[in-house]
N, C-alpha and C. Protein backbone atom coordinates (compact mmCIF):
# COMPACT_ATOMS: atom_id res chain seq x y z
N UNK A 1 -61.30 -11.14 -12.69
CA UNK A 1 -61.38 -10.54 -11.18
C UNK A 1 -61.20 -8.99 -11.40
N UNK A 2 -60.87 -8.22 -12.26
CA UNK A 2 -60.68 -6.94 -12.36
C UNK A 2 -61.88 -6.48 -12.65
N UNK A 3 -62.66 -7.11 -13.35
CA UNK A 3 -64.34 -6.68 -13.71
C UNK A 3 -64.94 -7.04 -12.50
N UNK A 4 -64.67 -7.81 -11.39
CA UNK A 4 -65.45 -7.96 -10.30
C UNK A 4 -64.98 -6.47 -9.26
N UNK A 5 -63.85 -6.29 -9.60
CA UNK A 5 -63.39 -5.16 -8.71
C UNK A 5 -64.03 -4.06 -8.96
N UNK A 6 -63.72 -3.82 -10.29
CA UNK A 6 -64.13 -2.51 -11.01
C UNK A 6 -66.14 -2.18 -11.02
N UNK A 7 -66.52 -3.50 -10.82
CA UNK A 7 -67.93 -3.36 -10.20
C UNK A 7 -68.48 -2.61 -9.00
N UNK A 8 -67.81 -3.51 -8.23
CA UNK A 8 -68.07 -3.49 -6.75
C UNK A 8 -67.19 -2.19 -5.95
N UNK A 9 -66.26 -1.72 -6.89
CA UNK A 9 -65.37 -0.69 -6.19
C UNK A 9 -65.53 0.43 -5.74
N UNK A 10 -65.61 1.21 -4.64
CA UNK A 10 -66.14 2.62 -4.64
C UNK A 10 -65.57 3.75 -5.41
N UNK A 11 -65.98 4.65 -5.92
CA UNK A 11 -65.50 5.49 -6.87
C UNK A 11 -64.52 6.47 -6.27
N UNK A 12 -64.30 6.43 -5.23
CA UNK A 12 -63.61 7.60 -4.67
C UNK A 12 -62.99 6.98 -3.59
N UNK A 13 -62.35 7.08 -2.79
CA UNK A 13 -61.65 6.62 -1.05
C UNK A 13 -61.61 7.88 -0.47
N UNK A 14 -62.36 7.92 0.56
CA UNK A 14 -61.73 9.23 1.52
C UNK A 14 -60.38 9.25 2.02
N UNK A 15 -59.79 10.36 1.92
CA UNK A 15 -58.48 10.61 2.70
C UNK A 15 -58.56 10.86 4.13
N UNK A 16 -57.78 10.27 5.05
CA UNK A 16 -58.07 10.81 6.31
C UNK A 16 -57.61 11.85 6.67
N UNK A 17 -56.67 12.69 5.56
CA UNK A 17 -56.44 13.96 5.76
C UNK A 17 -57.31 15.05 5.21
N UNK A 18 -58.67 14.37 4.58
CA UNK A 18 -59.53 15.29 3.72
C UNK A 18 -60.09 16.30 4.13
N UNK A 19 -59.92 17.36 3.88
CA UNK A 19 -60.67 18.58 4.30
C UNK A 19 -62.12 18.93 4.10
N UNK A 20 -62.84 19.06 5.16
CA UNK A 20 -64.23 19.12 4.42
C UNK A 20 -64.91 19.99 3.44
N UNK A 21 -65.74 19.54 2.70
CA UNK A 21 -66.00 20.20 1.48
C UNK A 21 -66.61 21.52 1.96
N UNK A 22 -66.94 22.69 1.15
CA UNK A 22 -67.79 23.35 1.47
C UNK A 22 -68.78 23.66 2.07
N UNK A 23 -69.82 22.85 1.65
CA UNK A 23 -71.23 22.78 1.99
C UNK A 23 -70.87 22.31 3.57
N UNK A 24 -69.99 21.13 3.85
CA UNK A 24 -69.94 20.58 5.31
C UNK A 24 -69.70 21.80 5.96
N UNK A 25 -68.20 22.53 5.85
CA UNK A 25 -68.09 23.64 6.37
C UNK A 25 -69.35 24.45 6.59
N UNK A 26 -69.92 24.72 5.84
CA UNK A 26 -71.31 25.89 5.76
C UNK A 26 -72.12 25.37 6.84
N UNK A 27 -72.61 23.79 6.71
CA UNK A 27 -73.53 23.24 7.51
C UNK A 27 -72.92 23.11 9.44
N UNK A 28 -71.37 23.10 9.34
CA UNK A 28 -70.89 23.08 10.75
C UNK A 28 -70.87 24.31 11.27
N UNK A 29 -70.58 25.50 10.31
CA UNK A 29 -70.62 26.95 10.75
C UNK A 29 -72.27 27.26 11.32
N UNK A 30 -72.98 26.87 10.24
CA UNK A 30 -74.62 27.30 10.54
C UNK A 30 -74.87 26.67 12.08
N UNK A 31 -74.56 25.15 12.30
CA UNK A 31 -74.89 24.42 13.76
C UNK A 31 -74.23 25.38 14.47
N UNK A 32 -72.70 25.84 14.64
CA UNK A 32 -72.24 26.32 15.41
C UNK A 32 -72.75 27.67 15.93
N UNK A 33 -73.38 28.59 14.56
CA UNK A 33 -73.90 29.94 15.05
C UNK A 33 -75.04 29.54 15.52
N UNK A 34 -76.19 28.61 15.18
CA UNK A 34 -77.08 28.13 16.04
C UNK A 34 -77.03 27.85 17.39
N UNK A 35 -76.08 26.87 17.78
CA UNK A 35 -75.56 26.75 19.20
C UNK A 35 -75.58 28.11 19.99
N UNK A 36 -74.53 28.85 19.39
CA UNK A 36 -73.98 30.13 20.24
C UNK A 36 -75.32 30.93 20.31
N UNK A 37 -76.39 31.21 19.19
CA UNK A 37 -77.58 32.03 19.34
C UNK A 37 -79.01 31.29 20.43
N UNK A 38 -78.54 29.97 20.42
CA UNK A 38 -79.24 29.29 21.41
C UNK A 38 -78.83 29.65 22.68
N UNK A 39 -77.63 30.04 23.18
CA UNK A 39 -76.54 30.15 24.50
C UNK A 39 -77.06 31.39 24.90
N UNK A 40 -77.14 32.31 23.59
CA UNK A 40 -77.28 33.91 23.73
C UNK A 40 -78.75 34.09 24.43
N UNK A 41 -79.56 33.32 23.67
CA UNK A 41 -81.03 33.77 23.93
C UNK A 41 -80.99 32.93 25.63
N UNK A 42 -81.15 31.87 25.50
CA UNK A 42 -80.82 31.38 27.05
C UNK A 42 -80.22 32.28 28.33
N UNK A 43 -79.17 32.67 27.80
CA UNK A 43 -78.65 33.60 28.82
C UNK A 43 -79.57 34.80 29.11
N UNK A 44 -79.95 35.65 27.70
CA UNK A 44 -80.56 36.67 27.93
C UNK A 44 -81.69 36.61 28.93
N UNK A 45 -82.79 35.09 28.25
CA UNK A 45 -84.08 35.01 29.14
C UNK A 45 -83.85 34.85 30.87
N UNK A 46 -82.59 34.28 31.30
CA UNK A 46 -82.07 34.08 32.71
C UNK A 46 -81.51 35.52 33.16
N UNK A 47 -81.28 36.33 32.50
CA UNK A 47 -80.75 37.70 33.03
C UNK A 47 -82.33 38.16 33.15
N UNK A 48 -83.12 38.16 32.10
CA UNK A 48 -84.21 39.23 31.95
C UNK A 48 -85.14 38.76 33.31
N UNK A 49 -84.80 37.15 33.45
CA UNK A 49 -85.75 36.71 34.66
C UNK A 49 -85.04 37.33 35.98
N UNK A 50 -83.82 37.18 36.02
CA UNK A 50 -83.24 37.46 37.20
C UNK A 50 -83.49 39.35 37.53
N UNK A 51 -83.54 39.70 36.38
CA UNK A 51 -84.21 41.54 36.73
C UNK A 51 -85.43 41.52 37.27
N UNK A 52 -86.22 40.94 36.70
CA UNK A 52 -87.69 40.91 36.79
C UNK A 52 -87.76 40.12 38.25
N UNK A 53 -87.00 39.18 38.95
CA UNK A 53 -87.41 39.01 40.06
C UNK A 53 -86.53 40.02 40.95
N UNK A 54 -85.45 40.62 40.87
CA UNK A 54 -85.07 41.45 41.38
C UNK A 54 -85.89 42.53 42.05
N UNK A 55 -86.41 43.11 40.57
CA UNK A 55 -87.31 44.50 40.60
C UNK A 55 -88.42 44.46 41.58
N UNK A 56 -88.88 42.89 41.10
CA UNK A 56 -90.19 42.57 42.11
C UNK A 56 -89.96 42.55 43.68
N UNK A 57 -88.52 42.17 43.89
CA UNK A 57 -88.07 42.12 45.23
C UNK A 57 -88.13 43.60 45.78
N UNK A 58 -87.50 44.28 45.12
CA UNK A 58 -87.49 45.96 45.08
C UNK A 58 -88.67 46.52 45.55
N UNK A 59 -89.55 46.40 44.37
CA UNK A 59 -90.87 46.85 44.68
C UNK A 59 -91.55 46.38 46.04
N UNK A 60 -91.37 45.08 46.34
CA UNK A 60 -92.04 44.69 47.49
C UNK A 60 -91.42 44.95 48.88
N UNK A 61 -90.21 45.45 49.05
CA UNK A 61 -89.27 46.12 49.76
C UNK A 61 -89.90 47.53 50.14
N UNK A 62 -90.08 48.24 49.05
CA UNK A 62 -90.51 49.83 48.97
C UNK A 62 -91.76 49.60 49.46
N UNK A 63 -92.93 48.87 49.04
CA UNK A 63 -94.00 48.75 49.92
C UNK A 63 -93.85 48.66 51.44
N UNK A 64 -93.16 47.48 51.81
CA UNK A 64 -93.07 47.21 53.21
C UNK A 64 -92.48 48.38 54.07
N UNK A 65 -91.50 49.28 53.17
CA UNK A 65 -90.65 50.70 53.84
C UNK A 65 -91.89 51.50 54.21
N UNK A 66 -92.85 51.67 52.94
CA UNK A 66 -93.87 52.39 53.29
C UNK A 66 -94.83 52.13 54.05
N UNK A 67 -94.99 51.05 54.34
CA UNK A 67 -96.06 50.55 55.58
C UNK A 67 -95.48 50.25 57.10
N UNK A 68 -94.00 50.21 56.62
CA UNK A 68 -93.77 50.56 58.23
C UNK A 68 -93.58 51.84 58.49
N UNK A 69 -92.96 52.70 57.53
CA UNK A 69 -92.85 54.23 57.85
C UNK A 69 -94.43 54.79 58.40
N UNK A 70 -95.54 54.24 57.90
CA UNK A 70 -96.87 54.67 58.49
C UNK A 70 -97.05 54.11 59.65
N UNK A 71 -96.49 53.10 59.88
CA UNK A 71 -96.89 52.38 61.35
C UNK A 71 -95.79 53.28 62.29
N UNK A 72 -94.56 53.70 61.77
CA UNK A 72 -93.97 54.24 62.70
C UNK A 72 -94.61 55.61 63.04
N UNK A 73 -95.24 56.56 61.85
CA UNK A 73 -95.96 57.62 61.87
C UNK A 73 -97.05 57.42 63.22
N UNK A 74 -97.76 56.11 63.11
CA UNK A 74 -98.90 56.34 64.03
C UNK A 74 -98.47 55.79 65.25
N UNK A 75 -97.27 55.41 65.37
CA UNK A 75 -96.83 55.05 66.64
C UNK A 75 -96.22 56.14 67.48
N UNK A 76 -95.69 57.33 66.75
CA UNK A 76 -95.43 58.20 67.22
C UNK A 76 -96.40 59.08 67.99
N UNK A 77 -97.59 59.39 67.03
CA UNK A 77 -98.84 59.88 67.14
C UNK A 77 -99.24 59.71 68.76
N UNK A 78 -99.26 58.07 68.89
CA UNK A 78 -99.86 57.40 70.16
C UNK A 78 -98.98 57.72 71.24
N UNK A 79 -97.61 57.79 70.85
CA UNK A 79 -96.38 58.42 71.80
C UNK A 79 -96.58 59.81 72.53
N UNK A 80 -97.09 60.35 71.37
CA UNK A 80 -96.88 61.80 71.76
C UNK A 80 -98.50 62.09 72.77
N UNK A 81 -99.74 61.22 72.30
CA UNK A 81 -100.52 61.22 73.09
C UNK A 81 -100.75 60.90 74.42
N UNK A 82 -99.98 59.50 74.70
CA UNK A 82 -99.65 59.10 75.90
C UNK A 82 -98.72 60.17 76.76
N UNK A 83 -97.93 60.69 76.09
CA UNK A 83 -96.98 61.53 76.96
C UNK A 83 -98.00 62.78 77.41
N UNK A 84 -98.83 63.41 76.55
CA UNK A 84 -99.81 64.48 76.69
C UNK A 84 -100.44 63.88 78.21
N UNK A 85 -101.07 62.75 78.14
CA UNK A 85 -102.39 61.77 78.71
C UNK A 85 -101.36 62.14 80.62
N UNK A 86 -99.80 61.66 80.28
CA UNK A 86 -99.32 61.39 81.47
C UNK A 86 -98.64 62.41 81.71
N UNK A 87 -98.78 63.80 81.26
CA UNK A 87 -98.34 65.14 81.82
C UNK A 87 -99.85 65.38 82.50
N UNK A 88 -101.03 65.09 82.12
CA UNK A 88 -102.08 65.65 82.75
C UNK A 88 -102.34 64.74 83.80
N UNK A 89 -101.93 63.70 83.65
CA UNK A 89 -102.08 62.92 85.20
C UNK A 89 -100.98 62.84 86.22
N UNK A 90 -99.91 63.60 85.87
CA UNK A 90 -99.37 64.00 86.83
C UNK A 90 -99.41 65.44 87.44
N UNK A 91 -99.96 66.23 86.71
CA UNK A 91 -100.79 67.29 87.02
C UNK A 91 -101.60 67.35 88.20
N UNK A 92 -102.67 66.21 87.71
CA UNK A 92 -103.66 65.86 88.87
C UNK A 92 -103.28 65.25 90.12
N UNK A 93 -102.04 64.57 89.70
CA UNK A 93 -101.58 63.82 91.21
C UNK A 93 -100.88 64.93 91.86
N UNK A 94 -100.05 66.00 91.39
CA UNK A 94 -99.39 67.49 92.06
C UNK A 94 -100.73 67.72 92.85
N UNK A 95 -101.98 68.10 92.06
CA UNK A 95 -102.83 68.86 92.84
C UNK A 95 -103.47 68.09 93.96
N UNK A 96 -103.62 66.62 93.69
CA UNK A 96 -104.46 65.52 94.81
C UNK A 96 -103.08 65.89 95.81
N UNK A 97 -101.92 65.23 95.61
CA UNK A 97 -101.19 65.51 96.54
C UNK A 97 -101.05 67.07 97.62
N UNK A 98 -101.15 68.11 96.72
CA UNK A 98 -101.06 69.26 97.58
C UNK A 98 -102.72 69.46 98.33
N UNK A 99 -103.72 68.59 97.75
CA UNK A 99 -105.06 69.01 98.83
C UNK A 99 -104.73 68.30 99.59
N UNK A 100 -104.32 66.78 99.63
CA UNK A 100 -103.79 65.92 100.73
C UNK A 100 -102.79 66.55 101.70
N UNK A 101 -102.10 67.06 101.60
CA UNK A 101 -101.02 67.99 102.24
C UNK A 101 -101.83 69.04 103.12
N UNK A 102 -102.67 69.89 102.23
CA UNK A 102 -103.63 70.91 102.81
C UNK A 102 -104.52 70.24 104.37
N UNK A 103 -105.25 69.20 103.85
CA UNK A 103 -106.09 68.28 104.81
C UNK A 103 -105.53 67.93 105.47
N UNK A 104 -104.11 67.52 105.71
CA UNK A 104 -103.16 66.76 106.74
C UNK A 104 -102.79 68.11 107.62
N UNK A 105 -102.55 69.24 107.30
CA UNK A 105 -101.95 70.57 108.02
C UNK A 105 -103.14 70.57 108.85
N UNK A 106 -104.58 70.72 108.28
CA UNK A 106 -105.66 71.15 108.99
C UNK A 106 -106.22 70.29 109.89
N UNK A 107 -105.81 68.96 109.60
CA UNK A 107 -106.33 68.05 111.09
C UNK A 107 -104.90 67.88 111.74
N UNK A 108 -103.93 68.56 111.37
CA UNK A 108 -103.03 68.47 112.44
C UNK A 108 -103.47 69.61 113.14
N UNK A 109 -103.60 71.13 112.57
CA UNK A 109 -103.74 71.94 113.54
C UNK A 109 -105.34 71.62 114.17
N UNK A 110 -106.01 70.88 113.40
CA UNK A 110 -107.19 70.98 114.64
C UNK A 110 -106.87 69.83 115.68
N UNK A 111 -105.93 69.45 115.37
CA UNK A 111 -105.79 67.71 116.76
C UNK A 111 -104.91 68.99 117.72
N UNK A 112 -104.42 69.88 117.37
CA UNK A 112 -103.48 70.71 118.26
C UNK A 112 -104.30 71.46 119.33
N UNK A 113 -105.48 72.00 118.45
CA UNK A 113 -106.06 72.87 119.00
C UNK A 113 -106.93 72.27 120.14
């Protein structure tokens, strides 16, 4: 019976409190370092993507602002032109009213004579 046991028995039994070997520790450490590197790279990519997104939005907002400023300038020019036209029309209206009043006075004077 001892012979059978000697032939089939494992050469060493793992201890439940056994510490990992140096090789296992290095593999575990390398695996942990790889996981940390992967996480850092993923975060780095996400941050760079967000920065790029914000930069594109900022650039678009700047272009929109420039377009709106040009439109405001154009509208101001139109407003100035319209105000000048309105002043010219007011002047013509005043002249027309003055002519109308003069004609009324002449007609009134002619009817009284």
